[in-house]
Amino acid sequence: MKISHEVPICLLEDSLDFNDYQYCLPHLLDQDEDYKNFFYKVKQQGVYTIMDNSLHELGVAYGEDRLFYWINELKPNEFIVPDVWQNTTKSLINAREWSQVVLPKEVTKVAVVQARNFLDAVLCYQTYKDLGYKKIAFSYGAEYYLDHSNHPNQNLAKALGRIEVVSRMYNMGLIQPSDRVHLLGCQVPQEFSWYKNAGFIETIDTSNPIMATLDGIQYGRNGLLDKPKANMNDHFYTTEIDYNLLDWNLRMFRKLLK
């Protein structure tokens, strides 16, 4: 699994040392000159880049005109097409429309499973494959994950729920060993350790160890029990970083995946 952690602006350069690839939020390209220039630079350096649609940060996907602009300007290796939180129908409509959109040939389109129950998730995944999507993502935190775990801690329950959903799809043959899957975010970092032998999971992105650092939370050897409260919307311009704690959390995150 290749890992990327979204970081505040002050850690962008440092992230080149601890990220396996870069994860780009398009709305920030229009908002911050330094952020934009950083991604121009990594493009020139040939750094593998995945561009999101900013749904998680904005509540809705970023405007299509600006998405088109930045896709053609930066030509990311992958682009996550606009989806709608926990809405299967609208996400499928978007994915169908985007499946017909011609993007630069080096850009792989990624569609996100959005659902309110397992059957909708199955429909979503299968339809994306039928539409020709070569890579499919699963978001974190969906409420229907709680249908698949009775753990009293909701953070752990949602993490266990996502692995159960993915595992069921694999065991029923819907997810094939040759499929390419991306995991968007996490409730708790140790979830990723439960996918160690799932070769179809190609990439993950999460700011969890960074946000834990900003909250002053130290990773335990088994991860965390709660999701950090800090988020990138509130801390993008922070300069107060405990670098010793950051180094610890990043190293412990990597150990969870070994």
C-alpha atoms as a PDB file:
ATOM      1  CA  MET A   1       0.000   0.000   0.000  1.00  0.00           C
ATOM      2  CA  LYS A   2       1.267   3.453  -0.920  1.00  0.00           C
ATOM      3  CA  ILE A   3       0.592   6.120   1.721  1.00  0.00           C
ATOM      4  CA  SER A   4       0.006   9.865   1.579  1.00  0.00           C
ATOM      5  CA  HIS A   5      -0.707  12.210   4.475  1.00  0.00           C
ATOM      6  CA  GLU A   6      -2.340  15.587   3.810  1.00  0.00           C
ATOM      7  CA  VAL A   7      -0.424  18.244   5.719  1.00  0.00           C
ATOM      8  CA  PRO A   8      -0.558  21.934   6.677  1.00  0.00           C
ATOM      9  CA  ILE A   9       1.186  24.294   4.301  1.00  0.00           C
ATOM     10  CA  CYS A  10       4.288  24.480   6.523  1.00  0.00           C
ATOM     11  CA  LEU A  11       4.884  20.722   6.077  1.00  0.00           C
ATOM     12  CA  LEU A  12       4.463  20.449   2.320  1.00  0.00           C
ATOM     13  CA  GLU A  13       8.184  20.248   1.598  1.00  0.00           C
ATOM     14  CA  ASP A  14       8.749  17.816   4.478  1.00  0.00           C
ATOM     15  CA  SER A  15       5.956  15.598   3.134  1.00  0.00           C
ATOM     16  CA  LEU A  16       8.127  14.736   0.140  1.00  0.00           C
ATOM     17  CA  ASP A  17      10.292  12.753   2.584  1.00  0.00           C
ATOM     18  CA  PHE A  18       7.519  10.757   4.287  1.00  0.00           C
ATOM     19  CA  ASN A  19       4.781  10.460   1.632  1.00  0.00           C
ATOM     20  CA  ASP A  20       4.861   7.793  -1.061  1.00  0.00           C
ATOM     21  CA  TYR A  21       2.862  10.099  -3.330  1.00  0.00           C
ATOM     22  CA  GLN A  22       1.193  13.511  -3.092  1.00  0.00           C
ATOM     23  CA  TYR A  23      -2.526  14.084  -2.536  1.00  0.00           C
ATOM     24  CA  CYS A  24      -3.871  17.301  -4.019  1.00  0.00           C
ATOM     25  CA  LEU A  25      -7.003  19.232  -2.980  1.00  0.00           C
ATOM     26  CA  PRO A  26      -8.052  21.333  -6.004  1.00  0.00           C
ATOM     27  CA  HIS A  27      -9.870  24.091  -4.102  1.00  0.00           C
ATOM     28  CA  LEU A  28      -6.610  24.905  -2.331  1.00  0.00           C
ATOM     29  CA  LEU A  29      -4.873  25.376  -5.672  1.00  0.00           C
ATOM     30  CA  ASP A  30      -7.157  28.382  -6.204  1.00  0.00           C
ATOM     31  CA  GLN A  31      -6.835  29.652  -2.644  1.00  0.00           C
ATOM     32  CA  ASP A  32      -3.134  29.516  -1.878  1.00  0.00           C
ATOM     33  CA  GLU A  33      -0.211  30.507  -4.082  1.00  0.00           C
ATOM     34  CA  ASP A  34       2.362  28.441  -2.168  1.00  0.00           C
ATOM     35  CA  TYR A  35       0.175  25.336  -2.376  1.00  0.00           C
ATOM     36  CA  LYS A  36      -0.298  25.841  -6.119  1.00  0.00           C
ATOM     37  CA  ASN A  37       3.423  26.345  -6.709  1.00  0.00           C
ATOM     38  CA  PHE A  38       4.239  23.230  -4.703  1.00  0.00           C
ATOM     39  CA  PHE A  39       2.105  21.104  -7.012  1.00  0.00           C
ATOM     40  CA  TYR A  40       3.562  22.742 -10.083  1.00  0.00           C
ATOM     41  CA  LYS A  41       6.956  21.751  -8.736  1.00  0.00           C
ATOM     42  CA  VAL A  42       6.068  18.130  -7.975  1.00  0.00           C
ATOM     43  CA  LYS A  43       4.535  17.843 -11.434  1.00  0.00           C
ATOM     44  CA  GLN A  44       7.833  18.939 -12.967  1.00  0.00           C
ATOM     45  CA  GLN A  45       9.685  16.464 -10.723  1.00  0.00           C
ATOM     46  CA  GLY A  46       7.462  13.599 -11.803  1.00  0.00           C
ATOM     47  CA  VAL A  47       6.090  12.897  -8.320  1.00  0.00           C
ATOM     48  CA  TYR A  48       3.048  10.598  -8.423  1.00  0.00           C
ATOM     49  CA  THR A  49      -0.035  12.678  -7.583  1.00  0.00           C
ATOM     50  CA  ILE A  50      -3.682  11.932  -6.858  1.00  0.00           C
ATOM     51  CA  MET A  51      -6.118  14.842  -7.169  1.00  0.00           C
ATOM     52  CA  ASP A  52      -9.262  14.728  -5.028  1.00  0.00           C
ATOM     53  CA  ASN A  53     -12.506  16.595  -5.755  1.00  0.00           C
ATOM     54  CA  SER A  54     -12.555  18.288  -2.284  1.00  0.00           C
ATOM     55  CA  LEU A  55     -15.908  16.804  -1.211  1.00  0.00           C
ATOM     56  CA  HIS A  56     -14.685  16.043   2.304  1.00  0.00           C
ATOM     57  CA  GLU A  57     -13.379  19.566   2.846  1.00  0.00           C
ATOM     58  CA  LEU A  58     -16.197  21.521   1.170  1.00  0.00           C
ATOM     59  CA  GLY A  59     -19.219  19.288   1.764  1.00  0.00           C
ATOM     60  CA  VAL A  60     -19.776  19.177  -2.012  1.00  0.00           C
ATOM     61  CA  ALA A  61     -17.402  18.459  -4.858  1.00  0.00           C
ATOM     62  CA  TYR A  62     -15.470  21.454  -6.191  1.00  0.00           C
ATOM     63  CA  GLY A  63     -16.856  23.241  -9.277  1.00  0.00           C
ATOM     64  CA  GLU A  64     -16.463  21.281 -12.501  1.00  0.00           C
ATOM     65  CA  ASP A  65     -14.969  24.199 -14.421  1.00  0.00           C
ATOM     66  CA  ARG A  66     -12.121  24.495 -11.943  1.00  0.00           C
ATOM     67  CA  LEU A  67     -11.676  20.723 -11.751  1.00  0.00           C
ATOM     68  CA  PHE A  68     -11.319  20.591 -15.542  1.00  0.00           C
ATOM     69  CA  TYR A  69      -8.857  23.459 -15.426  1.00  0.00           C
ATOM     70  CA  TRP A  70      -6.576  21.873 -12.837  1.00  0.00           C
ATOM     71  CA  ILE A  71      -6.758  18.397 -14.330  1.00  0.00           C
ATOM     72  CA  ASN A  72      -5.549  19.746 -17.651  1.00  0.00           C
ATOM     73  CA  GLU A  73      -3.057  22.080 -16.008  1.00  0.00           C
ATOM     74  CA  LEU A  74      -1.397  19.605 -13.631  1.00  0.00           C
ATOM     75  CA  LYS A  75      -2.281  16.283 -15.284  1.00  0.00           C
ATOM     76  CA  PRO A  76      -2.339  14.284 -12.037  1.00  0.00           C
ATOM     77  CA  ASN A  77      -1.774  10.551 -12.258  1.00  0.00           C
ATOM     78  CA  GLU A  78      -5.227   9.960 -10.787  1.00  0.00           C
ATOM     79  CA  PHE A  79      -8.350  12.055 -10.365  1.00  0.00           C
ATOM     80  CA  ILE A  80     -11.221  11.237  -8.008  1.00  0.00           C
ATOM     81  CA  VAL A  81     -14.372  12.098  -9.925  1.00  0.00           C
ATOM     82  CA  PRO A  82     -17.091  14.083  -8.101  1.00  0.00           C
ATOM     83  CA  ASP A  83     -19.187  12.010  -5.718  1.00  0.00           C
ATOM     84  CA  VAL A  84     -22.022  12.848  -3.303  1.00  0.00           C
ATOM     85  CA  TRP A  85     -21.740  11.841   0.351  1.00  0.00           C
ATOM     86  CA  GLN A  86     -23.713   8.653   1.097  1.00  0.00           C
ATOM     87  CA  ASN A  87     -25.823   9.125  -2.033  1.00  0.00           C
ATOM     88  CA  THR A  88     -25.566   6.181  -4.389  1.00  0.00           C
ATOM     89  CA  THR A  89     -27.833   7.490  -7.130  1.00  0.00           C
ATOM     90  CA  LYS A  90     -26.194  10.898  -7.511  1.00  0.00           C
ATOM     91  CA  SER A  91     -22.700   9.411  -7.287  1.00  0.00           C
ATOM     92  CA  LEU A  92     -23.560   6.915 -10.025  1.00  0.00           C
ATOM     93  CA  ILE A  93     -24.985   9.686 -12.214  1.00  0.00           C
ATOM     94  CA  ASN A  94     -21.784  11.695 -11.783  1.00  0.00           C
ATOM     95  CA  ALA A  95     -19.615   8.658 -12.468  1.00  0.00           C
ATOM     96  CA  ARG A  96     -21.568   7.852 -15.630  1.00  0.00           C
ATOM     97  CA  GLU A  97     -21.147  11.415 -16.886  1.00  0.00           C
ATOM     98  CA  TRP A  98     -17.450  11.514 -16.053  1.00  0.00           C
ATOM     99  CA  SER A  99     -16.868   8.138 -17.692  1.00  0.00           C
ATOM    100  CA  GLN A 100     -17.598   9.909 -20.997  1.00  0.00           C
ATOM    101  CA  VAL A 101     -15.311  12.860 -20.285  1.00  0.00           C
ATOM    102  CA  VAL A 102     -12.016  12.840 -22.130  1.00  0.00           C
ATOM    103  CA  LEU A 103      -9.107  13.663 -19.809  1.00  0.00           C
ATOM    104  CA  PRO A 104      -5.379  13.705 -20.546  1.00  0.00           C
ATOM    105  CA  LYS A 105      -4.355  10.107 -21.299  1.00  0.00           C
ATOM    106  CA  GLU A 106      -2.045   9.890 -18.286  1.00  0.00           C
ATOM    107  CA  VAL A 107      -4.896  10.616 -15.839  1.00  0.00           C
ATOM    108  CA  THR A 108      -6.698   7.601 -14.328  1.00  0.00           C
ATOM    109  CA  LYS A 109     -10.269   8.281 -13.201  1.00  0.00           C
ATOM    110  CA  VAL A 110     -11.191   7.012  -9.726  1.00  0.00           C
ATOM    111  CA  ALA A 111     -14.813   6.623  -8.556  1.00  0.00           C
ATOM    112  CA  VAL A 112     -15.876   6.554  -4.888  1.00  0.00           C
ATOM    113  CA  VAL A 113     -18.369   4.061  -3.457  1.00  0.00           C
ATOM    114  CA  GLN A 114     -21.142   6.031  -1.733  1.00  0.00           C
ATOM    115  CA  ALA A 115     -23.979   4.160  -0.039  1.00  0.00           C
ATOM    116  CA  ARG A 116     -26.391   3.897   2.876  1.00  0.00           C
ATOM    117  CA  ASN A 117     -26.352   0.085   2.979  1.00  0.00           C
ATOM    118  CA  PHE A 118     -24.328  -2.852   1.746  1.00  0.00           C
ATOM    119  CA  LEU A 119     -26.510  -3.584  -1.287  1.00  0.00           C
ATOM    120  CA  ASP A 120     -26.114  -0.015  -2.517  1.00  0.00           C
ATOM    121  CA  ALA A 121     -22.362  -0.307  -2.009  1.00  0.00           C
ATOM    122  CA  VAL A 122     -22.349  -3.487  -4.113  1.00  0.00           C
ATOM    123  CA  LEU A 123     -24.395  -1.753  -6.827  1.00  0.00           C
ATOM    124  CA  CYS A 124     -22.018   1.186  -6.752  1.00  0.00           C
ATOM    125  CA  TYR A 125     -18.877  -0.916  -7.055  1.00  0.00           C
ATOM    126  CA  GLN A 126     -20.218  -3.150  -9.817  1.00  0.00           C
ATOM    127  CA  THR A 127     -21.597  -0.229 -11.831  1.00  0.00           C
ATOM    128  CA  TYR A 128     -18.277   1.589 -11.638  1.00  0.00           C
ATOM    129  CA  LYS A 129     -16.540  -1.496 -13.024  1.00  0.00           C
ATOM    130  CA  ASP A 130     -19.156  -1.783 -15.773  1.00  0.00           C
ATOM    131  CA  LEU A 131     -18.542   1.874 -16.653  1.00  0.00           C
ATOM    132  CA  GLY A 132     -14.867   1.102 -17.147  1.00  0.00           C
ATOM    133  CA  TYR A 133     -13.366   2.600 -14.001  1.00  0.00           C
ATOM    134  CA  LYS A 134      -9.953   1.056 -13.373  1.00  0.00           C
ATOM    135  CA  LYS A 135      -9.703   2.174  -9.761  1.00  0.00           C
ATOM    136  CA  ILE A 136     -12.384   2.528  -7.081  1.00  0.00           C
ATOM    137  CA  ALA A 137     -12.249   4.155  -3.639  1.00  0.00           C
ATOM    138  CA  PHE A 138     -14.025   3.556  -0.331  1.00  0.00           C
ATOM    139  CA  SER A 139     -14.621   6.529   1.966  1.00  0.00           C
ATOM    140  CA  TYR A 140     -14.255   6.330   5.728  1.00  0.00           C
ATOM    141  CA  GLY A 141     -16.947   7.169   8.265  1.00  0.00           C
ATOM    142  CA  ALA A 142     -20.053   6.106   6.327  1.00  0.00           C
ATOM    143  CA  GLU A 143     -22.961   5.375   8.640  1.00  0.00           C
ATOM    144  CA  TYR A 144     -23.761   2.015   7.036  1.00  0.00           C
ATOM    145  CA  TYR A 145     -20.419   0.655   8.266  1.00  0.00           C
ATOM    146  CA  LEU A 146     -22.078   0.537  11.705  1.00  0.00           C
ATOM    147  CA  ASP A 147     -24.422  -2.137  10.322  1.00  0.00           C
ATOM    148  CA  HIS A 148     -21.409  -4.455  10.152  1.00  0.00           C
ATOM    149  CA  SER A 149     -19.954  -4.065  13.652  1.00  0.00           C
ATOM    150  CA  ASN A 150     -21.400  -4.007  17.155  1.00  0.00           C
ATOM    151  CA  HIS A 151     -18.301  -2.561  18.790  1.00  0.00           C
ATOM    152  CA  PRO A 152     -19.349   0.032  21.417  1.00  0.00           C
ATOM    153  CA  ASN A 153     -16.650   2.473  20.270  1.00  0.00           C
ATOM    154  CA  GLN A 154     -18.060   4.037  17.084  1.00  0.00           C
ATOM    155  CA  ASN A 155     -14.615   4.892  15.719  1.00  0.00           C
ATOM    156  CA  LEU A 156     -13.574   1.263  15.942  1.00  0.00           C
ATOM    157  CA  ALA A 157     -17.006   0.108  14.754  1.00  0.00           C
ATOM    158  CA  LYS A 158     -16.804   2.161  11.562  1.00  0.00           C
ATOM    159  CA  ALA A 159     -13.255   0.976  10.914  1.00  0.00           C
ATOM    160  CA  LEU A 160     -14.310  -2.653  11.473  1.00  0.00           C
ATOM    161  CA  GLY A 161     -17.376  -2.013   9.328  1.00  0.00           C
ATOM    162  CA  ARG A 162     -15.371  -0.834   6.353  1.00  0.00           C
ATOM    163  CA  ILE A 163     -13.078  -3.850   6.477  1.00  0.00           C
ATOM    164  CA  GLU A 164     -16.137  -6.114   6.697  1.00  0.00           C
ATOM    165  CA  VAL A 165     -17.726  -4.431   3.662  1.00  0.00           C
ATOM    166  CA  VAL A 166     -14.533  -4.690   1.621  1.00  0.00           C
ATOM    167  CA  SER A 167     -13.934  -8.280   2.773  1.00  0.00           C
ATOM    168  CA  ARG A 168     -17.475  -9.369   1.907  1.00  0.00           C
ATOM    169  CA  MET A 169     -17.148  -7.881  -1.561  1.00  0.00           C
ATOM    170  CA  TYR A 170     -13.862  -9.718  -2.009  1.00  0.00           C
ATOM    171  CA  ASN A 171     -15.208 -13.038  -0.752  1.00  0.00           C
ATOM    172  CA  MET A 172     -18.233 -12.814  -3.066  1.00  0.00           C
ATOM    173  CA  GLY A 173     -15.900 -12.234  -6.015  1.00  0.00           C
ATOM    174  CA  LEU A 174     -16.969  -8.663  -6.709  1.00  0.00           C
ATOM    175  CA  ILE A 175     -13.546  -7.329  -5.752  1.00  0.00           C
ATOM    176  CA  GLN A 176     -10.946  -9.295  -7.688  1.00  0.00           C
ATOM    177  CA  PRO A 177      -7.277  -9.737  -6.685  1.00  0.00           C
ATOM    178  CA  SER A 178      -6.327  -7.664  -9.745  1.00  0.00           C
ATOM    179  CA  ASP A 179      -8.625  -4.750  -8.805  1.00  0.00           C
ATOM    180  CA  ARG A 180      -7.172  -1.404  -7.754  1.00  0.00           C
ATOM    181  CA  VAL A 181      -8.684   0.067  -4.586  1.00  0.00           C
ATOM    182  CA  HIS A 182      -8.037   3.334  -2.748  1.00  0.00           C
ATOM    183  CA  LEU A 183      -9.009   3.930   0.891  1.00  0.00           C
ATOM    184  CA  LEU A 184     -10.026   7.501   1.684  1.00  0.00           C
ATOM    185  CA  GLY A 185      -9.155   8.512   5.248  1.00  0.00           C
ATOM    186  CA  CYS A 186      -9.752   6.540   8.423  1.00  0.00           C
ATOM    187  CA  GLN A 187     -11.427   6.634  11.808  1.00  0.00           C
ATOM    188  CA  VAL A 188      -8.447   4.955  13.507  1.00  0.00           C
ATOM    189  CA  PRO A 189      -5.055   4.251  11.918  1.00  0.00           C
ATOM    190  CA  GLN A 190      -4.814   0.595  12.962  1.00  0.00           C
ATOM    191  CA  GLU A 191      -7.564  -0.205  10.458  1.00  0.00           C
ATOM    192  CA  PHE A 192      -4.936  -0.261   7.740  1.00  0.00           C
ATOM    193  CA  SER A 193      -3.029  -3.040   9.513  1.00  0.00           C
ATOM    194  CA  TRP A 194      -6.034  -5.302   8.913  1.00  0.00           C
ATOM    195  CA  TYR A 195      -5.516  -5.088   5.130  1.00  0.00           C
ATOM    196  CA  LYS A 196      -1.938  -6.345   5.116  1.00  0.00           C
ATOM    197  CA  ASN A 197      -2.631  -9.247   2.785  1.00  0.00           C
ATOM    198  CA  ALA A 198      -5.154  -7.424   0.618  1.00  0.00           C
ATOM    199  CA  GLY A 199      -3.004  -6.851  -2.435  1.00  0.00           C
ATOM    200  CA  PHE A 200      -5.818  -5.122  -4.282  1.00  0.00           C
ATOM    201  CA  ILE A 201      -5.559  -2.110  -1.957  1.00  0.00           C
ATOM    202  CA  GLU A 202      -3.141   0.057  -3.855  1.00  0.00           C
ATOM    203  CA  THR A 203      -3.206   3.427  -2.079  1.00  0.00           C
ATOM    204  CA  ILE A 204      -4.457   5.081   1.091  1.00  0.00           C
ATOM    205  CA  ASP A 205      -4.606   8.707   2.115  1.00  0.00           C
ATOM    206  CA  THR A 206      -5.108   9.994   5.628  1.00  0.00           C
ATOM    207  CA  SER A 207      -4.086  13.023   7.662  1.00  0.00           C
ATOM    208  CA  ASN A 208      -4.583  11.026  10.894  1.00  0.00           C
ATOM    209  CA  PRO A 209      -1.006  11.084  12.248  1.00  0.00           C
ATOM    210  CA  ILE A 210      -0.689  14.767  11.351  1.00  0.00           C
ATOM    211  CA  MET A 211      -3.979  15.722  13.026  1.00  0.00           C
ATOM    212  CA  ALA A 212      -3.105  13.625  16.084  1.00  0.00           C
ATOM    213  CA  THR A 213       0.125  15.599  16.340  1.00  0.00           C
ATOM    214  CA  LEU A 214      -1.738  18.898  16.171  1.00  0.00           C
ATOM    215  CA  ASP A 215      -4.025  17.666  18.961  1.00  0.00           C
ATOM    216  CA  GLY A 216      -0.993  16.691  21.044  1.00  0.00           C
ATOM    217  CA  ILE A 217      -1.945  13.002  20.872  1.00  0.00           C
ATOM    218  CA  GLN A 218       0.771  10.369  20.822  1.00  0.00           C
ATOM    219  CA  TYR A 219       0.158   7.156  18.904  1.00  0.00           C
ATOM    220  CA  GLY A 220       0.182   4.001  20.978  1.00  0.00           C
ATOM    221  CA  ARG A 221       1.778   0.874  19.600  1.00  0.00           C
ATOM    222  CA  ASN A 222      -1.662  -0.357  18.616  1.00  0.00           C
ATOM    223  CA  GLY A 223      -2.849   2.957  17.172  1.00  0.00           C
ATOM    224  CA  LEU A 224      -5.647   5.102  18.628  1.00  0.00           C
ATOM    225  CA  LEU A 225      -9.108   4.606  20.087  1.00  0.00           C
ATOM    226  CA  ASP A 226     -10.511   7.956  18.956  1.00  0.00           C
ATOM    227  CA  LYS A 227     -10.298  10.064  15.830  1.00  0.00           C
ATOM    228  CA  PRO A 228      -8.386  13.350  16.364  1.00  0.00           C
ATOM    229  CA  LYS A 229     -10.591  16.432  16.495  1.00  0.00           C
ATOM    230  CA  ALA A 230      -8.190  18.585  14.446  1.00  0.00           C
ATOM    231  CA  ASN A 231      -8.945  18.892  10.730  1.00  0.00           C
ATOM    232  CA  MET A 232      -7.209  20.425   7.756  1.00  0.00           C
ATOM    233  CA  ASN A 233      -9.829  23.140   7.288  1.00  0.00           C
ATOM    234  CA  ASP A 234      -8.892  24.659  10.641  1.00  0.00           C
ATOM    235  CA  HIS A 235      -5.157  23.961  10.634  1.00  0.00           C
ATOM    236  CA  PHE A 236      -3.986  24.464   7.063  1.00  0.00           C
ATOM    237  CA  TYR A 237      -1.970  27.559   8.023  1.00  0.00           C
ATOM    238  CA  THR A 238      -0.747  26.396  11.412  1.00  0.00           C
ATOM    239  CA  THR A 239       2.959  26.742  12.160  1.00  0.00           C
ATOM    240  CA  GLU A 240       2.918  25.192  15.626  1.00  0.00           C
ATOM    241  CA  ILE A 241       4.254  21.694  15.045  1.00  0.00           C
ATOM    242  CA  ASP A 242       5.779  19.394  17.670  1.00  0.00           C
ATOM    243  CA  TYR A 243       8.294  17.768  15.351  1.00  0.00           C
ATOM    244  CA  ASN A 244       9.319  15.087  17.840  1.00  0.00           C
ATOM    245  CA  LEU A 245       5.707  14.012  18.242  1.00  0.00           C
ATOM    246  CA  LEU A 246       5.181  14.211  14.482  1.00  0.00           C
ATOM    247  CA  ASP A 247       8.168  11.955  13.851  1.00  0.00           C
ATOM    248  CA  TRP A 248       6.904   9.450  16.433  1.00  0.00           C
ATOM    249  CA  ASN A 249       3.387   9.354  15.009  1.00  0.00           C
ATOM    250  CA  LEU A 250       4.592   8.970  11.435  1.00  0.00           C
ATOM    251  CA  ARG A 251       6.938   6.133  12.386  1.00  0.00           C
ATOM    252  CA  MET A 252       4.265   4.371  14.446  1.00  0.00           C
ATOM    253  CA  PHE A 253       1.808   4.694  11.563  1.00  0.00           C
ATOM    254  CA  ARG A 254       4.263   2.944   9.253  1.00  0.00           C
ATOM    255  CA  LYS A 255       4.863   0.214  11.825  1.00  0.00           C
ATOM    256  CA  LEU A 256       1.145  -0.547  11.894  1.00  0.00           C
ATOM    257  CA  LEU A 257       1.357  -1.482   8.217  1.00  0.00           C
ATOM    258  CA  LYS A 258       4.354  -3.814   8.556  1.00  0.00           C
END
